[in-house]
Amino acid sequence: RGKIVTHGGYYASPAAVRDGLRNGEFFLHFQPIVNLATGA
């Protein structure tokens, strides 16, 4: 109860993903993993 769900549709086809990669729509972000003792 009380959930909100999005139907993503059918936009993530192989052709659409290739177009997205070619058009620069996808990108990466990086989350650090640190040493708890040193913070590095």
Full PDB file with SEQRES, HELIX, SHEET, SSBOND, CRYST1, ORIGX, SCALE, CONECT and MASTER records, all heavy atoms in Angstrom:
SEQRES   1 A   40  ARG GLY LYS ILE VAL THR HIS GLY GLY TYR TYR ALA SER          
SEQRES   2 A   40  PRO ALA ALA VAL ARG ASP GLY LEU ARG ASN GLY GLU PHE          
SEQRES   3 A   40  PHE LEU HIS PHE GLN PRO ILE VAL ASN LEU ALA THR GLY          
SEQRES   4 A   40  ALA                                                          
HELIX    1 AA1 PRO A   14  ARG A   22  1                                   9    
CRYST1    1.000    1.000    1.000  90.00  90.00  90.00 P 1           1          
ORIGX1      1.000000  0.000000  0.000000        0.00000                         
ORIGX2      0.000000  1.000000  0.000000        0.00000                         
ORIGX3      0.000000  0.000000  1.000000        0.00000                         
SCALE1      1.000000  0.000000  0.000000        0.00000                         
SCALE2      0.000000  1.000000  0.000000        0.00000                         
SCALE3      0.000000  0.000000  1.000000        0.00000                         
ATOM      1  N   ARG A   1       0.822  -1.204   0.000  1.00  0.00           N  
ATOM      2  CA  ARG A   1       0.000   0.000   0.000  1.00  0.00           C  
ATOM      3  C   ARG A   1       0.858   1.256   0.000  1.00  0.00           C  
ATOM      4  O   ARG A   1       1.920   1.298   0.605  1.00  0.00           O  
ATOM      5  CB  ARG A   1      -0.914   0.006   1.228  1.00  0.00           C  
ATOM      6  CG  ARG A   1      -2.008  -1.055   1.203  1.00  0.00           C  
ATOM      7  CD  ARG A   1      -2.819  -1.015   2.481  1.00  0.00           C  
ATOM      8  NE  ARG A   1      -1.987  -1.268   3.654  1.00  0.00           N  
ATOM      9  CZ  ARG A   1      -2.386  -1.119   4.896  1.00  0.00           C  
ATOM     10  NH1 ARG A   1      -3.596  -0.694   5.149  1.00  0.00           N  
ATOM     11  NH2 ARG A   1      -1.566  -1.372   5.904  1.00  0.00           N  
ATOM     12  N   GLY A   2       0.342   2.274  -0.668  1.00  0.00           N  
ATOM     13  CA  GLY A   2       1.024   3.558  -0.665  1.00  0.00           C  
ATOM     14  C   GLY A   2       2.217   3.649  -1.582  1.00  0.00           C  
ATOM     15  O   GLY A   2       2.951   4.638  -1.539  1.00  0.00           O  
ATOM     16  N   LYS A   3       2.429   2.655  -2.433  1.00  0.00           N  
ATOM     17  CA  LYS A   3       3.572   2.671  -3.335  1.00  0.00           C  
ATOM     18  C   LYS A   3       3.258   3.442  -4.611  1.00  0.00           C  
ATOM     19  O   LYS A   3       2.104   3.535  -5.042  1.00  0.00           O  
ATOM     20  CB  LYS A   3       4.003   1.252  -3.691  1.00  0.00           C  
ATOM     21  CG  LYS A   3       4.384   0.391  -2.495  1.00  0.00           C  
ATOM     22  CD  LYS A   3       5.596   0.942  -1.766  1.00  0.00           C  
ATOM     23  CE  LYS A   3       6.015   0.035  -0.608  1.00  0.00           C  
ATOM     24  NZ  LYS A   3       7.168   0.581   0.135  1.00  0.00           N  
ATOM     25  N   ILE A   4       4.293   4.001  -5.217  1.00  0.00           N  
ATOM     26  CA  ILE A   4       4.190   4.673  -6.511  1.00  0.00           C  
ATOM     27  C   ILE A   4       5.176   3.997  -7.448  1.00  0.00           C  
ATOM     28  O   ILE A   4       6.384   3.992  -7.184  1.00  0.00           O  
ATOM     29  CB  ILE A   4       4.505   6.176  -6.394  1.00  0.00           C  
ATOM     30  CG1 ILE A   4       3.532   6.857  -5.430  1.00  0.00           C  
ATOM     31  CG2 ILE A   4       4.442   6.844  -7.767  1.00  0.00           C  
ATOM     32  CD1 ILE A   4       3.872   8.310  -5.151  1.00  0.00           C  
ATOM     33  N   VAL A   5       4.673   3.419  -8.516  1.00  0.00           N  
ATOM     34  CA  VAL A   5       5.512   2.666  -9.459  1.00  0.00           C  
ATOM     35  C   VAL A   5       5.428   3.313 -10.828  1.00  0.00           C  
ATOM     36  O   VAL A   5       4.344   3.704 -11.279  1.00  0.00           O  
ATOM     37  CB  VAL A   5       5.072   1.188  -9.529  1.00  0.00           C  
ATOM     38  CG1 VAL A   5       5.826   0.456 -10.642  1.00  0.00           C  
ATOM     39  CG2 VAL A   5       5.322   0.504  -8.188  1.00  0.00           C  
ATOM     40  N   THR A   6       6.554   3.431 -11.478  1.00  0.00           N  
ATOM     41  CA  THR A   6       6.615   3.986 -12.832  1.00  0.00           C  
ATOM     42  C   THR A   6       6.790   2.861 -13.839  1.00  0.00           C  
ATOM     43  O   THR A   6       7.672   2.013 -13.673  1.00  0.00           O  
ATOM     44  CB  THR A   6       7.781   4.981 -12.963  1.00  0.00           C  
ATOM     45  OG1 THR A   6       7.583   6.060 -12.061  1.00  0.00           O  
ATOM     46  CG2 THR A   6       7.863   5.528 -14.381  1.00  0.00           C  
ATOM     47  N   HIS A   7       5.947   2.853 -14.849  1.00  0.00           N  
ATOM     48  CA  HIS A   7       6.128   1.905 -15.948  1.00  0.00           C  
ATOM     49  C   HIS A   7       7.103   2.535 -16.928  1.00  0.00           C  
ATOM     50  O   HIS A   7       6.808   3.535 -17.568  1.00  0.00           O  
ATOM     51  CB  HIS A   7       4.791   1.621 -16.642  1.00  0.00           C  
ATOM     52  CG  HIS A   7       4.867   0.481 -17.628  1.00  0.00           C  
ATOM     53  ND1 HIS A   7       5.539   0.578 -18.823  1.00  0.00           N  
ATOM     54  CD2 HIS A   7       4.359  -0.784 -17.578  1.00  0.00           C  
ATOM     55  CE1 HIS A   7       5.430  -0.571 -19.478  1.00  0.00           C  
ATOM     56  NE2 HIS A   7       4.732  -1.413 -18.738  1.00  0.00           N  
ATOM     57  N   GLY A   8       8.285   1.959 -17.001  1.00  0.00           N  
ATOM     58  CA  GLY A   8       9.329   2.563 -17.830  1.00  0.00           C  
ATOM     59  C   GLY A   8       9.039   2.559 -19.303  1.00  0.00           C  
ATOM     60  O   GLY A   8       9.698   3.241 -20.080  1.00  0.00           O  
ATOM     61  N   GLY A   9       8.043   1.781 -19.714  1.00  0.00           N  
ATOM     62  CA  GLY A   9       7.732   1.741 -21.140  1.00  0.00           C  
ATOM     63  C   GLY A   9       8.639   0.791 -21.867  1.00  0.00           C  
ATOM     64  O   GLY A   9       9.252  -0.111 -21.287  1.00  0.00           O  
ATOM     65  N   TYR A  10       8.750   0.993 -23.126  1.00  0.00           N  
ATOM     66  CA  TYR A  10       9.514   0.095 -23.974  1.00  0.00           C  
ATOM     67  C   TYR A  10      10.601   0.875 -24.707  1.00  0.00           C  
ATOM     68  O   TYR A  10      10.991   0.550 -25.812  1.00  0.00           O  
ATOM     69  CB  TYR A  10       8.575  -0.587 -24.955  1.00  0.00           C  
ATOM     70  CG  TYR A  10       7.354  -1.179 -24.272  1.00  0.00           C  
ATOM     71  CD1 TYR A  10       6.106  -0.581 -24.381  1.00  0.00           C  
ATOM     72  CD2 TYR A  10       7.482  -2.296 -23.457  1.00  0.00           C  
ATOM     73  CE1 TYR A  10       5.001  -1.106 -23.718  1.00  0.00           C  
ATOM     74  CE2 TYR A  10       6.384  -2.818 -22.781  1.00  0.00           C  
ATOM     75  CZ  TYR A  10       5.148  -2.223 -22.922  1.00  0.00           C  
ATOM     76  OH  TYR A  10       4.063  -2.731 -22.259  1.00  0.00           O  
ATOM     77  N   TYR A  11      11.085   1.925 -24.026  1.00  0.00           N  
ATOM     78  CA  TYR A  11      12.040   2.812 -24.678  1.00  0.00           C  
ATOM     79  C   TYR A  11      13.469   2.283 -24.622  1.00  0.00           C  
ATOM     80  O   TYR A  11      14.354   2.818 -25.282  1.00  0.00           O  
ATOM     81  CB  TYR A  11      11.994   4.200 -24.030  1.00  0.00           C  
ATOM     82  CG  TYR A  11      12.372   4.238 -22.574  1.00  0.00           C  
ATOM     83  CD1 TYR A  11      13.695   4.407 -22.169  1.00  0.00           C  
ATOM     84  CD2 TYR A  11      11.403   4.109 -21.589  1.00  0.00           C  
ATOM     85  CE1 TYR A  11      14.031   4.442 -20.838  1.00  0.00           C  
ATOM     86  CE2 TYR A  11      11.734   4.151 -20.256  1.00  0.00           C  
ATOM     87  CZ  TYR A  11      13.055   4.313 -19.878  1.00  0.00           C  
ATOM     88  OH  TYR A  11      13.379   4.344 -18.548  1.00  0.00           O  
ATOM     89  N   ALA A  12      13.721   1.263 -23.798  1.00  0.00           N  
ATOM     90  CA  ALA A  12      15.090   0.783 -23.608  1.00  0.00           C  
ATOM     91  C   ALA A  12      15.396  -0.393 -24.527  1.00  0.00           C  
ATOM     92  O   ALA A  12      15.996  -1.382 -24.110  1.00  0.00           O  
ATOM     93  CB  ALA A  12      15.309   0.406 -22.148  1.00  0.00           C  
ATOM     94  N   SER A  13      14.998  -0.298 -25.775  1.00  0.00           N  
ATOM     95  CA  SER A  13      15.306  -1.344 -26.749  1.00  0.00           C  
ATOM     96  C   SER A  13      16.787  -1.276 -27.104  1.00  0.00           C  
ATOM     97  O   SER A  13      17.447  -0.253 -26.876  1.00  0.00           O  
ATOM     98  CB  SER A  13      14.465  -1.153 -28.007  1.00  0.00           C  
ATOM     99  OG  SER A  13      14.819   0.054 -28.653  1.00  0.00           O  
ATOM    100  N   PRO A  14      17.354  -2.346 -27.678  1.00  0.00           N  
ATOM    101  CA  PRO A  14      18.765  -2.284 -28.083  1.00  0.00           C  
ATOM    102  C   PRO A  14      19.067  -1.107 -29.006  1.00  0.00           C  
ATOM    103  O   PRO A  14      20.097  -0.441 -28.853  1.00  0.00           O  
ATOM    104  CB  PRO A  14      18.969  -3.637 -28.794  1.00  0.00           C  
ATOM    105  CG  PRO A  14      17.986  -4.556 -28.134  1.00  0.00           C  
ATOM    106  CD  PRO A  14      16.793  -3.691 -27.854  1.00  0.00           C  
ATOM    107  N   ALA A  15      18.165  -0.843 -29.959  1.00  0.00           N  
ATOM    108  CA  ALA A  15      18.397   0.279 -30.878  1.00  0.00           C  
ATOM    109  C   ALA A  15      18.382   1.611 -30.128  1.00  0.00           C  
ATOM    110  O   ALA A  15      19.210   2.492 -30.372  1.00  0.00           O  
ATOM    111  CB  ALA A  15      17.335   0.287 -31.975  1.00  0.00           C  
ATOM    112  N   ALA A  16      17.431   1.756 -29.163  1.00  0.00           N  
ATOM    113  CA  ALA A  16      17.342   3.001 -28.395  1.00  0.00           C  
ATOM    114  C   ALA A  16      18.572   3.192 -27.516  1.00  0.00           C  
ATOM    115  O   ALA A  16      19.076   4.306 -27.367  1.00  0.00           O  
ATOM    116  CB  ALA A  16      16.072   2.999 -27.546  1.00  0.00           C  
ATOM    117  N   VAL A  17      19.063   2.109 -26.920  1.00  0.00           N  
ATOM    118  CA  VAL A  17      20.255   2.202 -26.081  1.00  0.00           C  
ATOM    119  C   VAL A  17      21.468   2.567 -26.929  1.00  0.00           C  
ATOM    120  O   VAL A  17      22.296   3.403 -26.537  1.00  0.00           O  
ATOM    121  CB  VAL A  17      20.486   0.884 -25.317  1.00  0.00           C  
ATOM    122  CG1 VAL A  17      21.857   0.876 -24.646  1.00  0.00           C  
ATOM    123  CG2 VAL A  17      19.392   0.682 -24.271  1.00  0.00           C  
ATOM    124  N   ARG A  18      21.590   1.956 -28.111  1.00  0.00           N  
ATOM    125  CA  ARG A  18      22.708   2.307 -29.000  1.00  0.00           C  
ATOM    126  C   ARG A  18      22.636   3.777 -29.400  1.00  0.00           C  
ATOM    127  O   ARG A  18      23.659   4.473 -29.419  1.00  0.00           O  
ATOM    128  CB  ARG A  18      22.686   1.418 -30.248  1.00  0.00           C  
ATOM    129  CG  ARG A  18      23.072  -0.029 -29.992  1.00  0.00           C  
ATOM    130  CD  ARG A  18      23.282  -0.784 -31.306  1.00  0.00           C  
ATOM    131  NE  ARG A  18      23.509  -2.192 -31.060  1.00  0.00           N  
ATOM    132  CZ  ARG A  18      22.551  -3.123 -31.088  1.00  0.00           C  
ATOM    133  NH1 ARG A  18      21.301  -2.760 -31.368  1.00  0.00           N  
ATOM    134  NH2 ARG A  18      22.824  -4.380 -30.842  1.00  0.00           N  
ATOM    135  N   ASP A  19      21.419   4.248 -29.716  1.00  0.00           N  
ATOM    136  CA  ASP A  19      21.256   5.669 -30.054  1.00  0.00           C  
ATOM    137  C   ASP A  19      21.643   6.554 -28.868  1.00  0.00           C  
ATOM    138  O   ASP A  19      22.299   7.589 -29.031  1.00  0.00           O  
ATOM    139  CB  ASP A  19      19.812   5.956 -30.463  1.00  0.00           C  
ATOM    140  CG  ASP A  19      19.477   5.384 -31.832  1.00  0.00           C  
ATOM    141  OD1 ASP A  19      20.415   5.061 -32.591  1.00  0.00           O  
ATOM    142  OD2 ASP A  19      18.270   5.247 -32.134  1.00  0.00           O  
ATOM    143  N   GLY A  20      21.226   6.141 -27.667  1.00  0.00           N  
ATOM    144  CA  GLY A  20      21.556   6.915 -26.480  1.00  0.00           C  
ATOM    145  C   GLY A  20      23.049   6.967 -26.224  1.00  0.00           C  
ATOM    146  O   GLY A  20      23.596   8.012 -25.855  1.00  0.00           O  
ATOM    147  N   LEU A  21      23.735   5.840 -26.436  1.00  0.00           N  
ATOM    148  CA  LEU A  21      25.186   5.821 -26.268  1.00  0.00           C  
ATOM    149  C   LEU A  21      25.861   6.706 -27.307  1.00  0.00           C  
ATOM    150  O   LEU A  21      26.805   7.446 -27.007  1.00  0.00           O  
ATOM    151  CB  LEU A  21      25.703   4.384 -26.388  1.00  0.00           C  
ATOM    152  CG  LEU A  21      25.298   3.430 -25.250  1.00  0.00           C  
ATOM    153  CD1 LEU A  21      25.707   2.008 -25.581  1.00  0.00           C  
ATOM    154  CD2 LEU A  21      25.927   3.868 -23.929  1.00  0.00           C  
ATOM    155  N   ARG A  22      25.360   6.646 -28.517  1.00  0.00           N  
ATOM    156  CA  ARG A  22      25.940   7.452 -29.595  1.00  0.00           C  
ATOM    157  C   ARG A  22      25.709   8.946 -29.355  1.00  0.00           C  
ATOM    158  O   ARG A  22      26.560   9.779 -29.696  1.00  0.00           O  
ATOM    159  CB  ARG A  22      25.335   7.020 -30.933  1.00  0.00           C  
ATOM    160  CG  ARG A  22      25.947   7.714 -32.142  1.00  0.00           C  
ATOM    161  CD  ARG A  22      25.589   7.011 -33.441  1.00  0.00           C  
ATOM    162  NE  ARG A  22      24.162   6.799 -33.579  1.00  0.00           N  
ATOM    163  CZ  ARG A  22      23.572   5.593 -33.514  1.00  0.00           C  
ATOM    164  NH1 ARG A  22      24.306   4.508 -33.318  1.00  0.00           N  
ATOM    165  NH2 ARG A  22      22.265   5.471 -33.650  1.00  0.00           N  
ATOM    166  N   ASN A  23      24.555   9.287 -28.745  1.00  0.00           N  
ATOM    167  CA  ASN A  23      24.213  10.692 -28.521  1.00  0.00           C  
ATOM    168  C   ASN A  23      24.723  11.240 -27.192  1.00  0.00           C  
ATOM    169  O   ASN A  23      24.440  12.388 -26.837  1.00  0.00           O  
ATOM    170  CB  ASN A  23      22.690  10.877 -28.579  1.00  0.00           C  
ATOM    171  CG  ASN A  23      22.127  10.542 -29.949  1.00  0.00           C  
ATOM    172  OD1 ASN A  23      22.812  10.667 -30.963  1.00  0.00           O  
ATOM    173  ND2 ASN A  23      20.874  10.114 -29.983  1.00  0.00           N  
ATOM    174  N   GLY A  24      25.446  10.409 -26.440  1.00  0.00           N  
ATOM    175  CA  GLY A  24      26.003  10.877 -25.178  1.00  0.00           C  
ATOM    176  C   GLY A  24      24.996  10.998 -24.060  1.00  0.00           C  
ATOM    177  O   GLY A  24      25.219  11.773 -23.109  1.00  0.00           O  
ATOM    178  N   GLU A  25      23.888  10.243 -24.125  1.00  0.00           N  
ATOM    179  CA  GLU A  25      22.865  10.326 -23.084  1.00  0.00           C  
ATOM    180  C   GLU A  25      23.268   9.564 -21.826  1.00  0.00           C  
ATOM    181  O   GLU A  25      22.808   9.883 -20.724  1.00  0.00           O  
ATOM    182  CB  GLU A  25      21.534   9.781 -23.618  1.00  0.00           C  
ATOM    183  CG  GLU A  25      20.978  10.585 -24.789  1.00  0.00           C  
ATOM    184  CD  GLU A  25      19.825   9.873 -25.493  1.00  0.00           C  
ATOM    185  OE1 GLU A  25      19.290   8.909 -24.903  1.00  0.00           O  
ATOM    186  OE2 GLU A  25      19.471  10.262 -26.622  1.00  0.00           O  
ATOM    187  N   PHE A  26      24.104   8.543 -21.972  1.00  0.00           N  
ATOM    188  CA  PHE A  26      24.566   7.765 -20.816  1.00  0.00           C  
ATOM    189  C   PHE A  26      25.886   8.340 -20.302  1.00  0.00           C  
ATOM    190  O   PHE A  26      26.729   8.790 -21.078  1.00  0.00           O  
ATOM    191  CB  PHE A  26      24.764   6.296 -21.199  1.00  0.00           C  
ATOM    192  CG  PHE A  26      23.488   5.560 -21.490  1.00  0.00           C  
ATOM    193  CD1 PHE A  26      23.002   5.481 -22.787  1.00  0.00           C  
ATOM    194  CD2 PHE A  26      22.771   4.950 -20.480  1.00  0.00           C  
ATOM    195  CE1 PHE A  26      21.819   4.802 -23.072  1.00  0.00           C  
ATOM    196  CE2 PHE A  26      21.599   4.274 -20.745  1.00  0.00           C  
ATOM    197  CZ  PHE A  26      21.116   4.204 -22.040  1.00  0.00           C  
ATOM    198  N   PHE A  27      26.065   8.295 -18.993  1.00  0.00           N  
ATOM    199  CA  PHE A  27      27.322   8.732 -18.403  1.00  0.00           C  
ATOM    200  C   PHE A  27      27.530   7.992 -17.089  1.00  0.00           C  
ATOM    201  O   PHE A  27      26.585   7.409 -16.522  1.00  0.00           O  
ATOM    202  CB  PHE A  27      27.347  10.250 -18.193  1.00  0.00           C  
ATOM    203  CG  PHE A  27      26.257  10.780 -17.295  1.00  0.00           C  
ATOM    204  CD1 PHE A  27      26.480  10.960 -15.941  1.00  0.00           C  
ATOM    205  CD2 PHE A  27      25.003  11.089 -17.811  1.00  0.00           C  
ATOM    206  CE1 PHE A  27      25.483  11.450 -15.106  1.00  0.00           C  
ATOM    207  CE2 PHE A  27      23.996  11.583 -16.993  1.00  0.00           C  
ATOM    208  CZ  PHE A  27      24.245  11.758 -15.637  1.00  0.00           C  
ATOM    209  N   LEU A  28      28.774   7.997 -16.604  1.00  0.00           N  
ATOM    210  CA  LEU A  28      29.112   7.303 -15.371  1.00  0.00           C  
ATOM    211  C   LEU A  28      29.436   8.297 -14.262  1.00  0.00           C  
ATOM    212  O   LEU A  28      30.054   9.341 -14.511  1.00  0.00           O  
ATOM    213  CB  LEU A  28      30.328   6.391 -15.577  1.00  0.00           C  
ATOM    214  CG  LEU A  28      30.161   5.175 -16.477  1.00  0.00           C  
ATOM    215  CD1 LEU A  28      31.463   4.382 -16.517  1.00  0.00           C  
ATOM    216  CD2 LEU A  28      29.022   4.282 -16.012  1.00  0.00           C  
ATOM    217  N   HIS A  29      29.012   7.967 -13.065  1.00  0.00           N  
ATOM    218  CA  HIS A  29      29.453   8.634 -11.853  1.00  0.00           C  
ATOM    219  C   HIS A  29      30.134   7.576 -10.985  1.00  0.00           C  
ATOM    220  O   HIS A  29      29.852   6.377 -11.112  1.00  0.00           O  
ATOM    221  CB  HIS A  29      28.298   9.287 -11.117  1.00  0.00           C  
ATOM    222  CG  HIS A  29      27.969  10.653 -11.640  1.00  0.00           C  
ATOM    223  ND1 HIS A  29      26.911  11.403 -11.182  1.00  0.00           N  
ATOM    224  CD2 HIS A  29      28.577  11.422 -12.569  1.00  0.00           C  
ATOM    225  CE1 HIS A  29      26.870  12.554 -11.815  1.00  0.00           C  
ATOM    226  NE2 HIS A  29      27.867  12.589 -12.667  1.00  0.00           N  
ATOM    227  N   PHE A  30      30.998   8.039 -10.103  1.00  0.00           N  
ATOM    228  CA  PHE A  30      31.771   7.111  -9.273  1.00  0.00           C  
ATOM    229  C   PHE A  30      31.633   7.499  -7.813  1.00  0.00           C  
ATOM    230  O   PHE A  30      31.821   8.665  -7.451  1.00  0.00           O  
ATOM    231  CB  PHE A  30      33.246   7.141  -9.686  1.00  0.00           C  
ATOM    232  CG  PHE A  30      33.476   6.703 -11.109  1.00  0.00           C  
ATOM    233  CD1 PHE A  30      33.440   7.626 -12.147  1.00  0.00           C  
ATOM    234  CD2 PHE A  30      33.705   5.369 -11.408  1.00  0.00           C  
ATOM    235  CE1 PHE A  30      33.645   7.232 -13.466  1.00  0.00           C  
ATOM    236  CE2 PHE A  30      33.892   4.964 -12.721  1.00  0.00           C  
ATOM    237  CZ  PHE A  30      33.867   5.899 -13.747  1.00  0.00           C  
ATOM    238  N   GLN A  31      31.279   6.501  -6.974  1.00  0.00           N  
ATOM    239  CA  GLN A  31      31.194   6.744  -5.535  1.00  0.00           C  
ATOM    240  C   GLN A  31      32.396   6.103  -4.849  1.00  0.00           C  
ATOM    241  O   GLN A  31      32.614   4.886  -4.975  1.00  0.00           O  
ATOM    242  CB  GLN A  31      29.902   6.197  -4.947  1.00  0.00           C  
ATOM    243  CG  GLN A  31      29.721   6.578  -3.474  1.00  0.00           C  
ATOM    244  CD  GLN A  31      28.351   6.244  -2.942  1.00  0.00           C  
ATOM    245  OE1 GLN A  31      27.798   5.198  -3.277  1.00  0.00           O  
ATOM    246  NE2 GLN A  31      27.794   7.112  -2.098  1.00  0.00           N  
ATOM    247  N   PRO A  32      33.168   6.890  -4.123  1.00  0.00           N  
ATOM    248  CA  PRO A  32      34.392   6.367  -3.507  1.00  0.00           C  
ATOM    249  C   PRO A  32      34.110   5.285  -2.467  1.00  0.00           C  
ATOM    250  O   PRO A  32      33.112   5.327  -1.752  1.00  0.00           O  
ATOM    251  CB  PRO A  32      35.019   7.604  -2.853  1.00  0.00           C  
ATOM    252  CG  PRO A  32      34.373   8.772  -3.527  1.00  0.00           C  
ATOM    253  CD  PRO A  32      32.989   8.329  -3.899  1.00  0.00           C  
ATOM    254  N   ILE A  33      35.024   4.346  -2.382  1.00  0.00           N  
ATOM    255  CA  ILE A  33      35.072   3.364  -1.301  1.00  0.00           C  
ATOM    256  C   ILE A  33      36.324   3.707  -0.486  1.00  0.00           C  
ATOM    257  O   ILE A  33      37.429   3.778  -1.047  1.00  0.00           O  
ATOM    258  CB  ILE A  33      35.157   1.931  -1.848  1.00  0.00           C  
ATOM    259  CG1 ILE A  33      33.936   1.622  -2.716  1.00  0.00           C  
ATOM    260  CG2 ILE A  33      35.275   0.921  -0.712  1.00  0.00           C  
ATOM    261  CD1 ILE A  33      34.037   0.309  -3.480  1.00  0.00           C  
ATOM    262  N   VAL A  34      36.154   3.971   0.801  1.00  0.00           N  
ATOM    263  CA  VAL A  34      37.257   4.513   1.596  1.00  0.00           C  
ATOM    264  C   VAL A  34      37.703   3.542   2.677  1.00  0.00           C  
ATOM    265  O   VAL A  34      36.948   2.666   3.125  1.00  0.00           O  
ATOM    266  CB  VAL A  34      36.868   5.866   2.250  1.00  0.00           C  
ATOM    267  CG1 VAL A  34      36.427   6.862   1.195  1.00  0.00           C  
ATOM    268  CG2 VAL A  34      35.769   5.664   3.285  1.00  0.00           C  
ATOM    269  N   ASN A  35      38.957   3.718   3.064  1.00  0.00           N  
ATOM    270  CA  ASN A  35      39.510   3.003   4.205  1.00  0.00           C  
ATOM    271  C   ASN A  35      39.026   3.709   5.470  1.00  0.00           C  
ATOM    272  O   ASN A  35      39.301   4.896   5.668  1.00  0.00           O  
ATOM    273  CB  ASN A  35      41.041   3.021   4.124  1.00  0.00           C  
ATOM    274  CG  ASN A  35      41.685   2.193   5.213  1.00  0.00           C  
ATOM    275  OD1 ASN A  35      41.311   2.267   6.387  1.00  0.00           O  
ATOM    276  ND2 ASN A  35      42.679   1.407   4.826  1.00  0.00           N  
ATOM    277  N   LEU A  36      38.297   3.013   6.313  1.00  0.00           N  
ATOM    278  CA  LEU A  36      37.723   3.642   7.503  1.00  0.00           C  
ATOM    279  C   LEU A  36      38.781   4.137   8.475  1.00  0.00           C  
ATOM    280  O   LEU A  36      38.537   5.075   9.243  1.00  0.00           O  
ATOM    281  CB  LEU A  36      36.779   2.659   8.207  1.00  0.00           C  
ATOM    282  CG  LEU A  36      35.350   2.581   7.660  1.00  0.00           C  
ATOM    283  CD1 LEU A  36      34.594   1.420   8.288  1.00  0.00           C  
ATOM    284  CD2 LEU A  36      34.611   3.887   7.910  1.00  0.00           C  
ATOM    285  N   ALA A  37      39.960   3.541   8.439  1.00  0.00           N  
ATOM    286  CA  ALA A  37      41.016   3.953   9.365  1.00  0.00           C  
ATOM    287  C   ALA A  37      41.687   5.242   8.921  1.00  0.00           C  
ATOM    288  O   ALA A  37      42.033   6.092   9.751  1.00  0.00           O  
ATOM    289  CB  ALA A  37      42.053   2.836   9.501  1.00  0.00           C  
ATOM    290  N   THR A  38      41.877   5.423   7.601  1.00  0.00           N  
ATOM    291  CA  THR A  38      42.632   6.575   7.101  1.00  0.00           C  
ATOM    292  C   THR A  38      41.779   7.591   6.356  1.00  0.00           C  
ATOM    293  O   THR A  38      42.194   8.738   6.171  1.00  0.00           O  
ATOM    294  CB  THR A  38      43.736   6.100   6.143  1.00  0.00           C  
ATOM    295  OG1 THR A  38      43.131   5.521   4.970  1.00  0.00           O  
ATOM    296  CG2 THR A  38      44.627   5.062   6.825  1.00  0.00           C  
ATOM    297  N   GLY A  39      40.608   7.181   5.885  1.00  0.00           N  
ATOM    298  CA  GLY A  39      39.777   8.070   5.079  1.00  0.00           C  
ATOM    299  C   GLY A  39      40.198   8.138   3.627  1.00  0.00           C  
ATOM    300  O   GLY A  39      39.603   8.867   2.828  1.00  0.00           O  
ATOM    301  N   ALA A  40      41.252   7.402   3.245  1.00  0.00           N  
ATOM    302  CA  ALA A  40      41.735   7.417   1.863  1.00  0.00           C  
ATOM    303  C   ALA A  40      40.866   6.510   0.992  1.00  0.00           C  
ATOM    304  O   ALA A  40      40.368   5.467   1.440  1.00  0.00           O  
ATOM    305  CB  ALA A  40      43.187   6.953   1.810  1.00  0.00           C  
TER     306      ALA A  40                                                      
MASTER        0    0    0    1    0    0    0    6  305    1    0    4          
END                                                                             
